[in-house]
C-alpha atoms as a PDB file:
ATOM      1  CA  UNK A   1      -5.382  34.972  59.750  1.00  0.00           C
ATOM      2  CA  UNK A   2      -2.981  35.292  56.809  1.00  0.00           C
ATOM      3  CA  UNK A   3      -4.073  33.614  53.594  1.00  0.00           C
ATOM      4  CA  UNK A   4      -2.059  30.425  52.848  1.00  0.00           C
ATOM      5  CA  UNK A   5      -0.869  31.843  49.512  1.00  0.00           C
ATOM      6  CA  UNK A   6       0.525  34.899  51.299  1.00  0.00           C
ATOM      7  CA  UNK A   7       2.197  32.649  53.853  1.00  0.00           C
ATOM      8  CA  UNK A   8       3.961  30.941  50.952  1.00  0.00           C
ATOM      9  CA  UNK A   9       5.040  34.324  49.595  1.00  0.00           C
ATOM     10  CA  UNK A  10       6.400  35.321  53.021  1.00  0.00           C
ATOM     11  CA  UNK A  11       8.477  32.153  53.136  1.00  0.00           C
ATOM     12  CA  UNK A  12       9.818  32.872  49.642  1.00  0.00           C
ATOM     13  CA  UNK A  13      10.903  36.356  50.751  1.00  0.00           C
ATOM     14  CA  UNK A  14      12.955  35.325  53.798  1.00  0.00           C
ATOM     15  CA  UNK A  15      16.421  35.605  52.221  1.00  0.00           C
ATOM     16  CA  UNK A  16      15.432  38.694  50.240  1.00  0.00           C
ATOM     17  CA  UNK A  17      14.168  40.403  53.399  1.00  0.00           C
ATOM     18  CA  UNK A  18      17.405  39.706  55.247  1.00  0.00           C
ATOM     19  CA  UNK A  19      19.451  41.176  52.397  1.00  0.00           C
ATOM     20  CA  UNK A  20      17.133  44.185  52.146  1.00  0.00           C
ATOM     21  CA  UNK A  21      17.555  44.841  55.854  1.00  0.00           C
ATOM     22  CA  UNK A  22      21.322  44.819  55.493  1.00  0.00           C
ATOM     23  CA  UNK A  23      21.042  47.355  52.671  1.00  0.00           C
ATOM     24  CA  UNK A  24      18.551  49.549  54.518  1.00  0.00           C
ATOM     25  CA  UNK A  25      15.839  48.849  51.948  1.00  0.00           C
ATOM     26  CA  UNK A  26      12.162  48.219  52.597  1.00  0.00           C
ATOM     27  CA  UNK A  27      10.876  45.023  54.178  1.00  0.00           C
ATOM     28  CA  UNK A  28       8.939  42.843  51.700  1.00  0.00           C
ATOM     29  CA  UNK A  29       7.667  40.551  54.469  1.00  0.00           C
ATOM     30  CA  UNK A  30       6.243  43.465  56.432  1.00  0.00           C
ATOM     31  CA  UNK A  31       4.473  44.667  53.287  1.00  0.00           C
ATOM     32  CA  UNK A  32       2.887  41.232  52.824  1.00  0.00           C
ATOM     33  CA  UNK A  33       1.938  40.847  56.483  1.00  0.00           C
ATOM     34  CA  UNK A  34       0.048  44.140  56.363  1.00  0.00           C
ATOM     35  CA  UNK A  35      -2.175  42.899  53.539  1.00  0.00           C
ATOM     36  CA  UNK A  36      -5.757  42.371  54.644  1.00  0.00           C
ATOM     37  CA  UNK A  37      -7.685  39.872  52.536  1.00  0.00           C
ATOM     38  CA  UNK A  38     -10.072  37.108  53.611  1.00  0.00           C
ATOM     39  CA  UNK A  39     -11.913  35.592  50.617  1.00  0.00           C
ATOM     40  CA  UNK A  40     -13.251  32.776  52.806  1.00  0.00           C
ATOM     41  CA  UNK A  41     -15.289  35.221  54.899  1.00  0.00           C
ATOM     42  CA  UNK A  42     -17.067  36.503  51.770  1.00  0.00           C
ATOM     43  CA  UNK A  43     -17.601  32.968  50.495  1.00  0.00           C
ATOM     44  CA  UNK A  44     -18.991  31.880  53.869  1.00  0.00           C
ATOM     45  CA  UNK A  45     -21.477  34.758  53.787  1.00  0.00           C
ATOM     46  CA  UNK A  46     -22.645  33.663  50.339  1.00  0.00           C
ATOM     47  CA  UNK A  47     -23.030  30.165  51.766  1.00  0.00           C
ATOM     48  CA  UNK A  48     -25.350  31.474  54.484  1.00  0.00           C
ATOM     49  CA  UNK A  49     -27.480  33.102  51.803  1.00  0.00           C
ATOM     50  CA  UNK A  50     -27.679  29.779  49.964  1.00  0.00           C
ATOM     51  CA  UNK A  51     -28.909  28.143  53.173  1.00  0.00           C
ATOM     52  CA  UNK A  52     -31.696  30.704  53.295  1.00  0.00           C
ATOM     53  CA  UNK A  53     -32.466  29.931  49.641  1.00  0.00           C
ATOM     54  CA  UNK A  54     -32.979  26.284  50.559  1.00  0.00           C
ATOM     55  CA  UNK A  55     -35.378  27.336  53.306  1.00  0.00           C
ATOM     56  CA  UNK A  56     -37.282  29.488  50.818  1.00  0.00           C
ATOM     57  CA  UNK A  57     -37.488  26.571  48.387  1.00  0.00           C
ATOM     58  CA  UNK A  58     -39.077  24.502  51.134  1.00  0.00           C
ATOM     59  CA  UNK A  59     -41.520  27.296  51.981  1.00  0.00           C
ATOM     60  CA  UNK A  60     -42.462  27.672  48.309  1.00  0.00           C
ATOM     61  CA  UNK A  61     -43.158  23.938  48.015  1.00  0.00           C
ATOM     62  CA  UNK A  62     -45.292  24.043  51.151  1.00  0.00           C
ATOM     63  CA  UNK A  63     -47.167  27.060  49.819  1.00  0.00           C
ATOM     64  CA  UNK A  64     -47.861  25.257  46.545  1.00  0.00           C
ATOM     65  CA  UNK A  65     -49.208  22.293  48.508  1.00  0.00           C
ATOM     66  CA  UNK A  66     -51.414  24.608  50.562  1.00  0.00           C
ATOM     67  CA  UNK A  67     -52.822  26.198  47.406  1.00  0.00           C
ATOM     68  CA  UNK A  68     -53.525  22.788  45.907  1.00  0.00           C
ATOM     69  CA  UNK A  69     -55.410  21.771  49.041  1.00  0.00           C
ATOM     70  CA  UNK A  70     -57.444  24.979  49.004  1.00  0.00           C
ATOM     71  CA  UNK A  71     -58.278  24.557  45.324  1.00  0.00           C
ATOM     72  CA  UNK A  72     -59.444  21.015  46.014  1.00  0.00           C
ATOM     73  CA  UNK A  73     -61.806  22.318  48.680  1.00  0.00           C
ATOM     74  CA  UNK A  74     -65.195  23.559  47.484  1.00  0.00           C
ATOM     75  CA  UNK A  75     -65.645  25.908  50.393  1.00  0.00           C
ATOM     76  CA  UNK A  76     -67.164  28.744  48.413  1.00  0.00           C
ATOM     77  CA  UNK A  77     -66.280  32.424  48.604  1.00  0.00           C
ATOM     78  CA  UNK A  78     -64.152  32.064  51.709  1.00  0.00           C
ATOM     79  CA  UNK A  79     -62.000  29.459  50.015  1.00  0.00           C
ATOM     80  CA  UNK A  80     -61.561  31.631  46.918  1.00  0.00           C
ATOM     81  CA  UNK A  81     -60.362  34.492  49.121  1.00  0.00           C
ATOM     82  CA  UNK A  82     -57.912  32.180  50.879  1.00  0.00           C
ATOM     83  CA  UNK A  83     -56.615  30.917  47.523  1.00  0.00           C
ATOM     84  CA  UNK A  84     -56.099  34.457  46.280  1.00  0.00           C
ATOM     85  CA  UNK A  85     -54.208  35.407  49.433  1.00  0.00           C
ATOM     86  CA  UNK A  86     -52.119  32.226  49.288  1.00  0.00           C
ATOM     87  CA  UNK A  87     -51.161  32.885  45.665  1.00  0.00           C
ATOM     88  CA  UNK A  88     -50.155  36.431  46.588  1.00  0.00           C
ATOM     89  CA  UNK A  89     -47.944  35.041  49.340  1.00  0.00           C
ATOM     90  CA  UNK A  90     -46.472  32.534  46.890  1.00  0.00           C
ATOM     91  CA  UNK A  91     -45.609  35.303  44.429  1.00  0.00           C
ATOM     92  CA  UNK A  92     -43.853  37.225  47.223  1.00  0.00           C
ATOM     93  CA  UNK A  93     -41.851  34.144  48.198  1.00  0.00           C
ATOM     94  CA  UNK A  94     -40.824  33.519  44.606  1.00  0.00           C
ATOM     95  CA  UNK A  95     -39.769  37.145  44.160  1.00  0.00           C
ATOM     96  CA  UNK A  96     -37.778  37.046  47.397  1.00  0.00           C
ATOM     97  CA  UNK A  97     -36.063  33.875  46.232  1.00  0.00           C
ATOM     98  CA  UNK A  98     -35.114  35.346  42.858  1.00  0.00           C
ATOM     99  CA  UNK A  99     -33.642  38.458  44.475  1.00  0.00           C
ATOM    100  CA  UNK A 100     -31.760  36.499  47.117  1.00  0.00           C
ATOM    101  CA  UNK A 101     -30.394  34.080  44.530  1.00  0.00           C
ATOM    102  CA  UNK A 102     -29.049  37.005  42.503  1.00  0.00           C
ATOM    103  CA  UNK A 103     -27.459  38.513  45.619  1.00  0.00           C
ATOM    104  CA  UNK A 104     -25.870  35.203  46.636  1.00  0.00           C
ATOM    105  CA  UNK A 105     -24.344  34.747  43.175  1.00  0.00           C
ATOM    106  CA  UNK A 106     -22.913  38.275  43.125  1.00  0.00           C
ATOM    107  CA  UNK A 107     -21.381  37.875  46.586  1.00  0.00           C
ATOM    108  CA  UNK A 108     -19.979  34.441  45.706  1.00  0.00           C
ATOM    109  CA  UNK A 109     -18.418  36.013  42.607  1.00  0.00           C
ATOM    110  CA  UNK A 110     -16.701  38.663  44.753  1.00  0.00           C
ATOM    111  CA  UNK A 111     -15.313  35.888  46.954  1.00  0.00           C
ATOM    112  CA  UNK A 112     -13.973  34.068  43.889  1.00  0.00           C
ATOM    113  CA  UNK A 113     -12.388  37.255  42.545  1.00  0.00           C
ATOM    114  CA  UNK A 114     -10.672  37.857  45.893  1.00  0.00           C
ATOM    115  CA  UNK A 115      -9.352  34.298  45.971  1.00  0.00           C
ATOM    116  CA  UNK A 116      -7.924  34.557  42.444  1.00  0.00           C
ATOM    117  CA  UNK A 117      -6.429  37.951  43.243  1.00  0.00           C
ATOM    118  CA  UNK A 118      -4.610  36.805  46.373  1.00  0.00           C
ATOM    119  CA  UNK A 119      -3.357  33.576  44.756  1.00  0.00           C
ATOM    120  CA  UNK A 120      -2.087  35.358  41.627  1.00  0.00           C
ATOM    121  CA  UNK A 121      -0.439  38.197  43.553  1.00  0.00           C
ATOM    122  CA  UNK A 122       1.242  35.807  45.977  1.00  0.00           C
ATOM    123  CA  UNK A 123       2.542  33.771  43.037  1.00  0.00           C
ATOM    124  CA  UNK A 124       4.004  36.915  41.449  1.00  0.00           C
ATOM    125  CA  UNK A 125       5.711  37.884  44.706  1.00  0.00           C
ATOM    126  CA  UNK A 126       7.088  34.390  45.202  1.00  0.00           C
ATOM    127  CA  UNK A 127       8.466  34.348  41.665  1.00  0.00           C
ATOM    128  CA  UNK A 128      10.143  37.732  42.093  1.00  0.00           C
ATOM    129  CA  UNK A 129      11.648  36.702  45.413  1.00  0.00           C
ATOM    130  CA  UNK A 130      12.886  33.429  43.944  1.00  0.00           C
ATOM    131  CA  UNK A 131      14.568  35.166  41.039  1.00  0.00           C
ATOM    132  CA  UNK A 132      16.294  37.606  43.402  1.00  0.00           C
ATOM    133  CA  UNK A 133      17.389  35.007  45.967  1.00  0.00           C
ATOM    134  CA  UNK A 134      20.850  34.387  44.375  1.00  0.00           C
ATOM    135  CA  UNK A 135      21.548  38.126  44.464  1.00  0.00           C
ATOM    136  CA  UNK A 136      20.270  38.334  48.058  1.00  0.00           C
ATOM    137  CA  UNK A 137      22.549  35.454  49.012  1.00  0.00           C
ATOM    138  CA  UNK A 138      25.550  37.284  47.493  1.00  0.00           C
ATOM    139  CA  UNK A 139      24.680  40.384  49.511  1.00  0.00           C
ATOM    140  CA  UNK A 140      24.455  38.361  52.708  1.00  0.00           C
ATOM    141  CA  UNK A 141      27.730  36.536  51.983  1.00  0.00           C
ATOM    142  CA  UNK A 142      29.450  39.874  51.417  1.00  0.00           C
ATOM    143  CA  UNK A 143      32.482  38.312  49.762  1.00  0.00           C
ATOM    144  CA  UNK A 144      35.067  41.043  49.233  1.00  0.00           C
ATOM    145  CA  UNK A 145      36.171  39.713  45.822  1.00  0.00           C
ATOM    146  CA  UNK A 146      32.665  39.910  44.379  1.00  0.00           C
ATOM    147  CA  UNK A 147      31.338  43.119  42.848  1.00  0.00           C
ATOM    148  CA  UNK A 148      28.105  43.422  44.822  1.00  0.00           C
ATOM    149  CA  UNK A 149      26.684  46.521  43.115  1.00  0.00           C
ATOM    150  CA  UNK A 150      24.597  44.476  40.675  1.00  0.00           C
ATOM    151  CA  UNK A 151      23.388  42.121  43.409  1.00  0.00           C
ATOM    152  CA  UNK A 152      22.498  45.043  45.676  1.00  0.00           C
ATOM    153  CA  UNK A 153      20.595  46.746  42.869  1.00  0.00           C
ATOM    154  CA  UNK A 154      18.657  43.530  42.188  1.00  0.00           C
ATOM    155  CA  UNK A 155      17.662  43.244  45.837  1.00  0.00           C
ATOM    156  CA  UNK A 156      16.589  46.876  46.109  1.00  0.00           C
ATOM    157  CA  UNK A 157      14.586  46.925  42.856  1.00  0.00           C
ATOM    158  CA  UNK A 158      12.926  43.581  43.617  1.00  0.00           C
ATOM    159  CA  UNK A 159      11.859  44.708  47.071  1.00  0.00           C
ATOM    160  CA  UNK A 160      10.471  47.940  45.609  1.00  0.00           C
ATOM    161  CA  UNK A 161       8.464  45.949  43.047  1.00  0.00           C
ATOM    162  CA  UNK A 162       7.070  43.618  45.706  1.00  0.00           C
ATOM    163  CA  UNK A 163       6.003  46.569  47.850  1.00  0.00           C
ATOM    164  CA  UNK A 164       4.389  48.154  44.775  1.00  0.00           C
ATOM    165  CA  UNK A 165       2.525  44.920  44.009  1.00  0.00           C
ATOM    166  CA  UNK A 166       1.335  44.743  47.602  1.00  0.00           C
ATOM    167  CA  UNK A 167      -0.054  48.268  47.370  1.00  0.00           C
ATOM    168  CA  UNK A 168      -1.877  47.580  44.106  1.00  0.00           C
ATOM    169  CA  UNK A 169      -3.230  44.341  45.548  1.00  0.00           C
ATOM    170  CA  UNK A 170      -4.649  46.029  48.656  1.00  0.00           C
ATOM    171  CA  UNK A 171      -6.292  48.711  46.507  1.00  0.00           C
ATOM    172  CA  UNK A 172      -8.015  46.046  44.410  1.00  0.00           C
ATOM    173  CA  UNK A 173      -9.103  44.192  47.552  1.00  0.00           C
ATOM    174  CA  UNK A 174     -10.575  47.387  49.001  1.00  0.00           C
ATOM    175  CA  UNK A 175     -12.531  48.007  45.779  1.00  0.00           C
ATOM    176  CA  UNK A 176     -14.030  44.509  45.916  1.00  0.00           C
ATOM    177  CA  UNK A 177     -14.886  44.996  49.582  1.00  0.00           C
ATOM    178  CA  UNK A 178     -16.695  48.214  48.710  1.00  0.00           C
ATOM    179  CA  UNK A 179     -18.746  46.284  46.153  1.00  0.00           C
ATOM    180  CA  UNK A 180     -19.601  43.713  48.812  1.00  0.00           C
ATOM    181  CA  UNK A 181     -20.514  46.372  51.390  1.00  0.00           C
ATOM    182  CA  UNK A 182     -22.741  48.096  48.820  1.00  0.00           C
ATOM    183  CA  UNK A 183     -24.596  44.851  48.117  1.00  0.00           C
ATOM    184  CA  UNK A 184     -25.139  44.242  51.832  1.00  0.00           C
ATOM    185  CA  UNK A 185     -26.318  47.811  52.356  1.00  0.00           C
ATOM    186  CA  UNK A 186     -28.760  47.513  49.462  1.00  0.00           C
ATOM    187  CA  UNK A 187     -30.070  44.277  50.986  1.00  0.00           C
ATOM    188  CA  UNK A 188     -30.547  45.908  54.390  1.00  0.00           C
ATOM    189  CA  UNK A 189     -32.320  48.919  52.841  1.00  0.00           C
ATOM    190  CA  UNK A 190     -34.664  46.697  50.853  1.00  0.00           C
ATOM    191  CA  UNK A 191     -35.459  44.682  53.976  1.00  0.00           C
ATOM    192  CA  UNK A 192     -36.245  47.855  55.936  1.00  0.00           C
ATOM    193  CA  UNK A 193     -38.544  49.153  53.207  1.00  0.00           C
ATOM    194  CA  UNK A 194     -40.280  45.815  52.839  1.00  0.00           C
ATOM    195  CA  UNK A 195     -40.918  45.313  56.547  1.00  0.00           C
ATOM    196  CA  UNK A 196     -41.829  42.011  58.196  1.00  0.00           C
ATOM    197  CA  UNK A 197     -43.808  39.555  56.115  1.00  0.00           C
ATOM    198  CA  UNK A 198     -46.666  37.637  57.600  1.00  0.00           C
ATOM    199  CA  UNK A 199     -47.952  34.282  56.500  1.00  0.00           C
ATOM    200  CA  UNK A 200     -50.883  33.955  54.137  1.00  0.00           C
ATOM    201  CA  UNK A 201     -54.343  33.066  55.308  1.00  0.00           C
ATOM    202  CA  UNK A 202     -53.457  29.493  54.440  1.00  0.00           C
ATOM    203  CA  UNK A 203     -51.451  29.519  57.681  1.00  0.00           C
ATOM    204  CA  UNK A 204     -48.117  29.012  55.915  1.00  0.00           C
ATOM    205  CA  UNK A 205     -45.156  30.503  57.821  1.00  0.00           C
ATOM    206  CA  UNK A 206     -42.420  32.049  55.691  1.00  0.00           C
ATOM    207  CA  UNK A 207     -38.701  32.010  56.507  1.00  0.00           C
ATOM    208  CA  UNK A 208     -36.703  35.206  56.868  1.00  0.00           C
ATOM    209  CA  UNK A 209     -35.878  35.829  53.221  1.00  0.00           C
ATOM    210  CA  UNK A 210     -33.332  38.517  54.003  1.00  0.00           C
ATOM    211  CA  UNK A 211     -30.635  35.963  54.738  1.00  0.00           C
ATOM    212  CA  UNK A 212     -27.873  36.681  57.282  1.00  0.00           C
ATOM    213  CA  UNK A 213     -28.048  40.027  59.053  1.00  0.00           C
ATOM    214  CA  UNK A 214     -25.597  42.787  58.164  1.00  0.00           C
ATOM    215  CA  UNK A 215     -23.959  42.105  61.520  1.00  0.00           C
ATOM    216  CA  UNK A 216     -22.933  38.720  60.150  1.00  0.00           C
ATOM    217  CA  UNK A 217     -21.141  40.322  57.211  1.00  0.00           C
ATOM    218  CA  UNK A 218     -17.323  40.226  57.253  1.00  0.00           C
ATOM    219  CA  UNK A 219     -15.504  43.536  57.624  1.00  0.00           C
END
């Protein structure tokens, strides 16, 4: 699905593209349509992580309640051992939450950067196309009494600039995607090293603190 901002840019380039085709220049619309950017997919992934954070918050509260109940029980050595194990489990939950919160914020930031990038680039393209539309219209009219060399040059140079902008944009998008993929890979590696976590002797079950699986990650 093409981003709405890019759809707007495509609409702005209609007349320019027609003139460019007549002159044998590049196609600005084709350049835009080939752009691959989906900030919403990254943002949605961060949202899934935040859902897991909420589940961890609930588990932490339940673990605190379990510890309080154990501490209120004068069950002797067995109770002390259970308290110690429950506190260890609590510390693990709190550490998992801190790490997942940091990951969610970094991924959300990448999504925001992508959104700003696509909106700003589309606005630049739309502005360029708008400024060149009068020249493109002259080229399409082809009036014999008008010197079209300046109009033709405007169309050709504007199209070249739009194609250049599209290339720079895609490079920046790919760099941000690499950052995202690296974060997801680091998360998967940490999860593999950590292994499955069992509940404490208090009987408290812990949620999967790894968040969405790497298979859920956008391409």
